[in-house]
Amino acid sequence: MTPDSLRWVKSSYSNNGGQCIEWAPERAAAAGEVLVRDSKTPTGPHLTLSVGVWAELVDFAKSQG
């Protein structure tokens, strides 16, 4: 399961002017790690986060809303 073969999902808030990320939920379920990338650069690099760090990032983003 390579990053190029994954289904990437944008945030439900992706209509906020292009400041969006995407993540690969199937990779998270299969490997226990969350891949995150910039939606404007889908062929660019990605971050690999633990599930716990991903949850903290999501909570932080929600608190900034």
Protein backbone atom coordinates (compact mmCIF):
# COMPACT_ATOMS: atom_id res chain seq x y z
CA MET A 1 0.00 0.00 0.00
CA THR A 2 2.00 2.97 -1.26
CA PRO A 3 0.94 6.62 -0.82
CA ASP A 4 0.29 6.85 -4.58
CA SER A 5 -2.21 3.97 -4.48
CA LEU A 6 -4.23 5.26 -1.52
CA ARG A 7 -7.58 7.01 -1.43
CA TRP A 8 -7.00 10.45 0.07
CA VAL A 9 -9.79 12.32 1.87
CA LYS A 10 -10.06 16.10 2.25
CA SER A 11 -11.32 17.84 5.33
CA SER A 12 -15.03 18.55 5.42
CA TYR A 13 -13.98 22.20 5.82
CA SER A 14 -12.07 22.21 2.52
CA ASN A 15 -14.01 25.14 1.05
CA ASN A 16 -12.23 27.61 3.32
CA GLY A 17 -9.93 29.14 0.71
CA GLY A 18 -7.61 26.26 -0.13
CA GLN A 19 -5.84 25.83 3.20
CA CYS A 20 -6.55 22.09 3.34
CA ILE A 21 -4.96 18.81 4.16
CA GLU A 22 -5.84 15.29 3.06
CA TRP A 23 -5.38 12.03 4.91
CA ALA A 24 -5.49 8.34 3.98
CA PRO A 25 -7.98 6.58 6.30
CA GLU A 26 -7.41 3.06 4.95
CA ARG A 27 -3.69 3.33 5.71
CA ALA A 28 -4.53 4.39 9.25
CA ALA A 29 -6.78 1.38 9.71
CA ALA A 30 -4.32 -1.08 8.14
CA ALA A 31 -0.99 0.18 9.47
CA GLY A 32 -1.84 2.22 12.56
CA GLU A 33 -0.24 5.33 11.10
CA VAL A 34 -1.86 8.35 9.52
CA LEU A 35 -0.48 9.81 6.30
CA VAL A 36 -1.20 13.53 5.84
CA ARG A 37 -0.46 15.76 2.83
CA ASP A 38 -1.19 19.22 1.45
CA SER A 39 -4.25 19.00 -0.82
CA LYS A 40 -2.75 21.60 -3.16
CA THR A 41 0.32 19.37 -3.79
CA PRO A 42 -0.95 15.79 -4.04
CA THR A 43 2.29 14.51 -5.60
CA GLY A 44 4.42 16.23 -2.97
CA PRO A 45 5.67 14.87 0.34
CA HIS A 46 3.47 13.58 3.14
CA LEU A 47 3.79 13.38 6.90
CA THR A 48 3.48 10.10 8.77
CA LEU A 49 1.82 10.54 12.16
CA SER A 50 0.93 8.10 14.90
CA VAL A 51 -2.78 7.71 15.56
CA GLY A 52 -2.35 9.51 18.89
CA VAL A 53 -0.58 12.51 17.36
CA TRP A 54 -3.23 12.68 14.62
CA ALA A 55 -5.97 12.75 17.28
CA GLU A 56 -4.15 15.58 19.09
CA LEU A 57 -3.80 17.53 15.83
CA VAL A 58 -7.51 17.16 15.08
CA ASP A 59 -8.43 18.26 18.61
CA PHE A 60 -6.13 21.28 18.30
CA ALA A 61 -7.64 22.26 14.94
CA LYS A 62 -11.15 21.99 16.37
CA SER A 63 -10.21 24.24 19.28
CA GLN A 64 -8.98 26.95 16.87
CA GLY A 65 -12.26 27.00 14.91
